PDB file of N, CA and C in Angstrom:
ATOM      1  N   MET A   1       0.824  -1.189   0.006  1.00  0.00           N
ATOM      2  CA  MET A   1      -0.019  -0.011   0.011  1.00  0.00           C
ATOM      3  C   MET A   1       0.887   1.197   0.018  1.00  0.00           C
ATOM      4  N   ILE A   2       0.502   2.238  -0.717  1.00  0.00           N
ATOM      5  CA  ILE A   2       1.145   3.516  -0.765  1.00  0.00           C
ATOM      6  C   ILE A   2       0.155   4.616  -0.386  1.00  0.00           C
ATOM      7  N   LYS A   3       0.605   5.490   0.507  1.00  0.00           N
ATOM      8  CA  LYS A   3      -0.237   6.651   0.912  1.00  0.00           C
ATOM      9  C   LYS A   3       0.256   7.825   0.148  1.00  0.00           C
ATOM     10  N   ILE A   4      -0.706   8.553  -0.465  1.00  0.00           N
ATOM     11  CA  ILE A   4      -0.341   9.710  -1.299  1.00  0.00           C
ATOM     12  C   ILE A   4      -1.116  10.928  -0.802  1.00  0.00           C
ATOM     13  N   ARG A   5      -0.529  12.089  -1.051  1.00  0.00           N
ATOM     14  CA  ARG A   5      -1.270  13.359  -0.813  1.00  0.00           C
ATOM     15  C   ARG A   5      -0.993  14.221  -2.070  1.00  0.00           C
ATOM     16  N   TRP A   6      -2.042  14.836  -2.591  1.00  0.00           N
ATOM     17  CA  TRP A   6      -1.905  15.740  -3.686  1.00  0.00           C
ATOM     18  C   TRP A   6      -2.578  17.066  -3.403  1.00  0.00           C
ATOM     19  N   MET A   7      -1.994  18.130  -3.957  1.00  0.00           N
ATOM     20  CA  MET A   7      -2.481  19.443  -3.645  1.00  0.00           C
ATOM     21  C   MET A   7      -2.724  20.199  -4.993  1.00  0.00           C
ATOM     22  N   GLY A   8      -3.649  21.077  -4.944  1.00  0.00           N
ATOM     23  CA  GLY A   8      -3.992  21.864  -6.136  1.00  0.00           C
ATOM     24  C   GLY A   8      -5.288  22.617  -5.912  1.00  0.00           C
ATOM     25  N   THR A   9      -5.760  23.208  -7.047  1.00  0.00           N
ATOM     26  CA  THR A   9      -7.079  23.888  -6.929  1.00  0.00           C
ATOM     27  C   THR A   9      -8.141  22.765  -6.965  1.00  0.00           C
ATOM     28  N   PRO A  10      -9.404  23.140  -6.572  1.00  0.00           N
ATOM     29  CA  PRO A  10     -10.402  22.091  -6.536  1.00  0.00           C
ATOM     30  C   PRO A  10     -10.579  21.364  -7.891  1.00  0.00           C
ATOM     31  N   GLU A  11     -10.413  22.085  -8.961  1.00  0.00           N
ATOM     32  CA  GLU A  11     -10.527  21.463 -10.265  1.00  0.00           C
ATOM     33  C   GLU A  11      -9.362  20.484 -10.520  1.00  0.00           C
ATOM     34  N   ASP A  12      -8.173  20.855 -10.133  1.00  0.00           N
ATOM     35  CA  ASP A  12      -7.033  19.935 -10.246  1.00  0.00           C
ATOM     36  C   ASP A  12      -7.240  18.683  -9.436  1.00  0.00           C
ATOM     37  N   LEU A  13      -7.748  18.777  -8.194  1.00  0.00           N
ATOM     38  CA  LEU A  13      -7.945  17.619  -7.329  1.00  0.00           C
ATOM     39  C   LEU A  13      -8.921  16.635  -7.954  1.00  0.00           C
ATOM     40  N   LYS A  14     -10.020  17.251  -8.478  1.00  0.00           N
ATOM     41  CA  LYS A  14     -11.029  16.426  -9.137  1.00  0.00           C
ATOM     42  C   LYS A  14     -10.538  15.711 -10.358  1.00  0.00           C
ATOM     43  N   TRP A  15      -9.762  16.440 -11.179  1.00  0.00           N
ATOM     44  CA  TRP A  15      -9.148  15.864 -12.397  1.00  0.00           C
ATOM     45  C   TRP A  15      -8.226  14.736 -12.030  1.00  0.00           C
ATOM     46  N   PHE A  16      -7.338  14.911 -11.014  1.00  0.00           N
ATOM     47  CA  PHE A  16      -6.383  13.899 -10.635  1.00  0.00           C
ATOM     48  C   PHE A  16      -7.068  12.692 -10.071  1.00  0.00           C
ATOM     49  N   ARG A  17      -8.030  12.872  -9.209  1.00  0.00           N
ATOM     50  CA  ARG A  17      -8.713  11.731  -8.576  1.00  0.00           C
ATOM     51  C   ARG A  17      -9.441  10.917  -9.689  1.00  0.00           C
ATOM     52  N   LYS A  18     -10.054  11.549 -10.700  1.00  0.00           N
ATOM     53  CA  LYS A  18     -10.706  10.870 -11.751  1.00  0.00           C
ATOM     54  C   LYS A  18      -9.687   9.957 -12.457  1.00  0.00           C
ATOM     55  N   HIS A  19      -8.464  10.427 -12.730  1.00  0.00           N
ATOM     56  CA  HIS A  19      -7.444   9.606 -13.349  1.00  0.00           C
ATOM     57  C   HIS A  19      -7.000   8.438 -12.507  1.00  0.00           C
ATOM     58  N   LEU A  20      -6.899   8.694 -11.225  1.00  0.00           N
ATOM     59  CA  LEU A  20      -6.549   7.594 -10.337  1.00  0.00           C
ATOM     60  C   LEU A  20      -7.617   6.512 -10.318  1.00  0.00           C
ATOM     61  N   GLU A  21      -8.916   6.929 -10.303  1.00  0.00           N
ATOM     62  CA  GLU A  21      -9.963   5.983 -10.245  1.00  0.00           C
ATOM     63  C   GLU A  21     -10.100   5.164 -11.576  1.00  0.00           C
ATOM     64  N   GLU A  22      -9.668   5.784 -12.724  1.00  0.00           N
ATOM     65  CA  GLU A  22      -9.786   5.126 -14.002  1.00  0.00           C
ATOM     66  C   GLU A  22      -8.582   4.160 -14.247  1.00  0.00           C
ATOM     67  N   ASP A  23      -7.520   4.268 -13.550  1.00  0.00           N
ATOM     68  CA  ASP A  23      -6.339   3.476 -13.701  1.00  0.00           C
ATOM     69  C   ASP A  23      -6.661   2.020 -13.282  1.00  0.00           C
ATOM     70  N   LYS A  24      -6.505   1.064 -14.254  1.00  0.00           N
ATOM     71  CA  LYS A  24      -6.841  -0.383 -14.009  1.00  0.00           C
ATOM     72  C   LYS A  24      -5.751  -1.076 -13.215  1.00  0.00           C
ATOM     73  N   GLU A  25      -4.586  -0.480 -13.066  1.00  0.00           N
ATOM     74  CA  GLU A  25      -3.462  -1.149 -12.342  1.00  0.00           C
ATOM     75  C   GLU A  25      -3.435  -0.777 -10.861  1.00  0.00           C
ATOM     76  N   ILE A  26      -4.229   0.121 -10.365  1.00  0.00           N
ATOM     77  CA  ILE A  26      -4.296   0.448  -8.974  1.00  0.00           C
ATOM     78  C   ILE A  26      -5.693   0.480  -8.464  1.00  0.00           C
ATOM     79  N   ARG A  27      -5.833   0.288  -7.158  1.00  0.00           N
ATOM     80  CA  ARG A  27      -7.162   0.455  -6.484  1.00  0.00           C
ATOM     81  C   ARG A  27      -7.048   1.616  -5.525  1.00  0.00           C
ATOM     82  N   LEU A  28      -7.886   2.611  -5.685  1.00  0.00           N
ATOM     83  CA  LEU A  28      -7.926   3.777  -4.818  1.00  0.00           C
ATOM     84  C   LEU A  28      -8.788   3.500  -3.583  1.00  0.00           C
ATOM     85  N   GLN A  29      -8.207   3.766  -2.409  1.00  0.00           N
ATOM     86  CA  GLN A  29      -8.927   3.476  -1.175  1.00  0.00           C
ATOM     87  C   GLN A  29      -8.808   4.614  -0.172  1.00  0.00           C
ATOM     88  N   ASN A  30      -9.754   4.762   0.747  1.00  0.00           N
ATOM     89  CA  ASN A  30      -9.686   5.697   1.824  1.00  0.00           C
ATOM     90  C   ASN A  30      -9.360   7.122   1.348  1.00  0.00           C
ATOM     91  N   VAL A  31     -10.116   7.594   0.373  1.00  0.00           N
ATOM     92  CA  VAL A  31      -9.910   8.965  -0.138  1.00  0.00           C
ATOM     93  C   VAL A  31     -10.467   9.993   0.836  1.00  0.00           C
ATOM     94  N   SER A  32      -9.688  10.957   1.204  1.00  0.00           N
ATOM     95  CA  SER A  32     -10.155  11.973   2.082  1.00  0.00           C
ATOM     96  C   SER A  32     -11.074  13.024   1.295  1.00  0.00           C
ATOM     97  N   ASP A  33     -11.765  13.818   2.086  1.00  0.00           N
ATOM     98  CA  ASP A  33     -12.459  14.957   1.505  1.00  0.00           C
ATOM     99  C   ASP A  33     -11.417  16.061   1.184  1.00  0.00           C
ATOM    100  N   ARG A  34     -11.804  17.013   0.472  1.00  0.00           N
ATOM    101  CA  ARG A  34     -10.966  18.099   0.114  1.00  0.00           C
ATOM    102  C   ARG A  34     -10.631  18.858   1.389  1.00  0.00           C
ATOM    103  N   LEU A  35      -9.367  19.071   1.727  1.00  0.00           N
ATOM    104  CA  LEU A  35      -8.967  19.674   3.051  1.00  0.00           C
ATOM    105  C   LEU A  35      -8.268  20.999   2.685  1.00  0.00           C
ATOM    106  N   PRO A  36      -8.627  22.062   3.505  1.00  0.00           N
ATOM    107  CA  PRO A  36      -7.925  23.345   3.245  1.00  0.00           C
ATOM    108  C   PRO A  36      -6.484  23.299   3.619  1.00  0.00           C
ATOM    109  N   ILE A  37      -5.681  24.204   2.973  1.00  0.00           N
ATOM    110  CA  ILE A  37      -4.277  24.428   3.299  1.00  0.00           C
ATOM    111  C   ILE A  37      -4.247  25.800   4.074  1.00  0.00           C
ATOM    112  N   SER A  38      -3.747  25.818   5.267  1.00  0.00           N
ATOM    113  CA  SER A  38      -3.840  26.970   6.099  1.00  0.00           C
ATOM    114  C   SER A  38      -3.174  28.231   5.479  1.00  0.00           C
ATOM    115  N   THR A  39      -2.242  28.060   4.612  1.00  0.00           N
ATOM    116  CA  THR A  39      -1.560  29.190   4.064  1.00  0.00           C
ATOM    117  C   THR A  39      -2.115  29.695   2.728  1.00  0.00           C
ATOM    118  N   SER A  40      -3.220  29.077   2.222  1.00  0.00           N
ATOM    119  CA  SER A  40      -3.726  29.460   0.966  1.00  0.00           C
ATOM    120  C   SER A  40      -5.292  29.298   0.911  1.00  0.00           C
ATOM    121  N   ASN A  41      -5.923  30.231   0.309  1.00  0.00           N
ATOM    122  CA  ASN A  41      -7.355  30.220   0.071  1.00  0.00           C
ATOM    123  C   ASN A  41      -7.666  29.529  -1.268  1.00  0.00           C
ATOM    124  N   ARG A  42      -6.728  29.417  -2.161  1.00  0.00           N
ATOM    125  CA  ARG A  42      -6.925  28.907  -3.467  1.00  0.00           C
ATOM    126  C   ARG A  42      -6.631  27.387  -3.542  1.00  0.00           C
ATOM    127  N   TYR A  43      -5.664  26.888  -2.883  1.00  0.00           N
ATOM    128  CA  TYR A  43      -5.258  25.493  -2.969  1.00  0.00           C
ATOM    129  C   TYR A  43      -5.704  24.613  -1.823  1.00  0.00           C
ATOM    130  N   PHE A  44      -5.991  23.341  -2.116  1.00  0.00           N
ATOM    131  CA  PHE A  44      -6.492  22.423  -1.143  1.00  0.00           C
ATOM    132  C   PHE A  44      -5.631  21.146  -1.287  1.00  0.00           C
ATOM    133  N   ARG A  45      -5.898  20.200  -0.414  1.00  0.00           N
ATOM    134  CA  ARG A  45      -5.132  18.898  -0.506  1.00  0.00           C
ATOM    135  C   ARG A  45      -6.098  17.780  -0.322  1.00  0.00           C
ATOM    136  N   MET A  46      -5.719  16.613  -0.789  1.00  0.00           N
ATOM    137  CA  MET A  46      -6.471  15.401  -0.590  1.00  0.00           C
ATOM    138  C   MET A  46      -5.447  14.296  -0.307  1.00  0.00           C
ATOM    139  N   MET A  47      -5.894  13.241   0.385  1.00  0.00           N
ATOM    140  CA  MET A  47      -5.060  12.120   0.730  1.00  0.00           C
ATOM    141  C   MET A  47      -5.798  10.851   0.370  1.00  0.00           C
ATOM    142  N   ALA A  48      -5.020   9.848   0.047  1.00  0.00           N
ATOM    143  CA  ALA A  48      -5.655   8.486  -0.263  1.00  0.00           C
ATOM    144  C   ALA A  48      -4.585   7.421  -0.080  1.00  0.00           C
ATOM    145  N   GLU A  49      -5.046   6.186  -0.136  1.00  0.00           N
ATOM    146  CA  GLU A  49      -4.192   4.970  -0.164  1.00  0.00           C
ATOM    147  C   GLU A  49      -4.386   4.357  -1.520  1.00  0.00           C
ATOM    148  N   ILE A  50      -3.348   3.914  -2.079  1.00  0.00           N
ATOM    149  CA  ILE A  50      -3.485   3.135  -3.341  1.00  0.00           C
ATOM    150  C   ILE A  50      -2.842   1.779  -3.174  1.00  0.00           C
ATOM    151  N   GLU A  51      -3.412   0.777  -3.876  1.00  0.00           N
ATOM    152  CA  GLU A  51      -2.840  -0.536  -3.821  1.00  0.00           C
ATOM    153  C   GLU A  51      -2.721  -1.039  -5.236  1.00  0.00           C
ATOM    154  N   LYS A  52      -1.682  -1.799  -5.495  1.00  0.00           N
ATOM    155  CA  LYS A  52      -1.476  -2.355  -6.819  1.00  0.00           C
ATOM    156  C   LYS A  52      -2.500  -3.519  -7.000  1.00  0.00           C
ATOM    157  N   VAL A  53      -3.174  -3.526  -8.140  1.00  0.00           N
ATOM    158  CA  VAL A  53      -4.111  -4.591  -8.479  1.00  0.00           C
ATOM    159  C   VAL A  53      -3.365  -5.782  -8.985  1.00  0.00           C
ATOM    160  N   GLU A  54      -3.624  -6.981  -8.374  1.00  0.00           N
ATOM    161  CA  GLU A  54      -2.955  -8.158  -8.774  1.00  0.00           C
ATOM    162  C   GLU A  54      -3.423  -8.580 -10.168  1.00  0.00           C
ATOM    163  N   ASP A  55      -2.567  -9.293 -10.962  1.00  0.00           N
ATOM    164  CA  ASP A  55      -2.850  -9.683 -12.307  1.00  0.00           C
ATOM    165  C   ASP A  55      -4.231 -10.432 -12.422  1.00  0.00           C
ATOM    166  N   LYS A  56      -4.451 -11.288 -11.412  1.00  0.00           N
ATOM    167  CA  LYS A  56      -5.695 -12.100 -11.495  1.00  0.00           C
ATOM    168  C   LYS A  56      -6.940 -11.222 -11.316  1.00  0.00           C
ATOM    169  N   GLU A  57      -6.831 -10.189 -10.471  1.00  0.00           N
ATOM    170  CA  GLU A  57      -7.990  -9.325 -10.253  1.00  0.00           C
ATOM    171  C   GLU A  57      -8.226  -8.491 -11.488  1.00  0.00           C
ATOM    172  N   ARG A  58      -7.133  -8.036 -12.152  1.00  0.00           N
ATOM    173  CA  ARG A  58      -7.233  -7.226 -13.353  1.00  0.00           C
ATOM    174  C   ARG A  58      -7.941  -7.929 -14.481  1.00  0.00           C
ATOM    175  N   THR A  59      -7.683  -9.217 -14.604  1.00  0.00           N
ATOM    176  CA  THR A  59      -8.256  -9.970 -15.779  1.00  0.00           C
ATOM    177  C   THR A  59      -9.696 -10.477 -15.460  1.00  0.00           C
ATOM    178  N   THR A  60      -9.953 -10.751 -14.168  1.00  0.00           N
ATOM    179  CA  THR A  60     -11.316 -11.318 -13.844  1.00  0.00           C
ATOM    180  C   THR A  60     -12.233 -10.215 -13.377  1.00  0.00           C
ATOM    181  N   GLY A  61     -11.620  -9.080 -12.930  1.00  0.00           N
ATOM    182  CA  GLY A  61     -12.517  -7.985 -12.404  1.00  0.00           C
ATOM    183  C   GLY A  61     -12.982  -8.205 -10.960  1.00  0.00           C
ATOM    184  N   GLN A  62     -12.460  -9.295 -10.351  1.00  0.00           N
ATOM    185  CA  GLN A  62     -12.836  -9.577  -8.929  1.00  0.00           C
ATOM    186  C   GLN A  62     -11.792  -9.058  -8.002  1.00  0.00           C
ATOM    187  N   LYS A  63     -12.312  -8.515  -6.897  1.00  0.00           N
ATOM    188  CA  LYS A  63     -11.424  -8.058  -5.882  1.00  0.00           C
ATOM    189  C   LYS A  63     -11.005  -9.219  -4.942  1.00  0.00           C
ATOM    190  N   LYS A  64      -9.772  -9.254  -4.460  1.00  0.00           N
ATOM    191  CA  LYS A  64      -9.278 -10.280  -3.650  1.00  0.00           C
ATOM    192  C   LYS A  64      -9.785  -9.975  -2.227  1.00  0.00           C
ATOM    193  N   ASP A  65     -10.255 -11.098  -1.502  1.00  0.00           N
ATOM    194  CA  ASP A  65     -10.710 -10.940  -0.140  1.00  0.00           C
ATOM    195  C   ASP A  65      -9.528 -10.765   0.756  1.00  0.00           C
ATOM    196  N   ARG A  66      -9.517  -9.652   1.534  1.00  0.00           N
ATOM    197  CA  ARG A  66      -8.341  -9.278   2.362  1.00  0.00           C
ATOM    198  C   ARG A  66      -8.541  -9.589   3.838  1.00  0.00           C
ATOM    199  N   ARG A  67      -9.289 -10.569   4.230  1.00  0.00           N
ATOM    200  CA  ARG A  67      -9.505 -10.898   5.615  1.00  0.00           C
ATOM    201  C   ARG A  67      -8.366 -11.607   6.223  1.00  0.00           C
TER     202      ARG A  67
END
């Protein structure tokens, strides 16, 4: 699992999240709401966790049970 944080305008955040969600090689999890940056009124940040999708999941479309 990789934890990421990205910053930008609300439009930038929405654009980047869309691309992360469309990527078939990763699974986006635990995405935060848009959070303010204390030093800026224009820019915000978001955080998420991403996981590499295993080859079997990619071809079958099934998620692996993680219990």
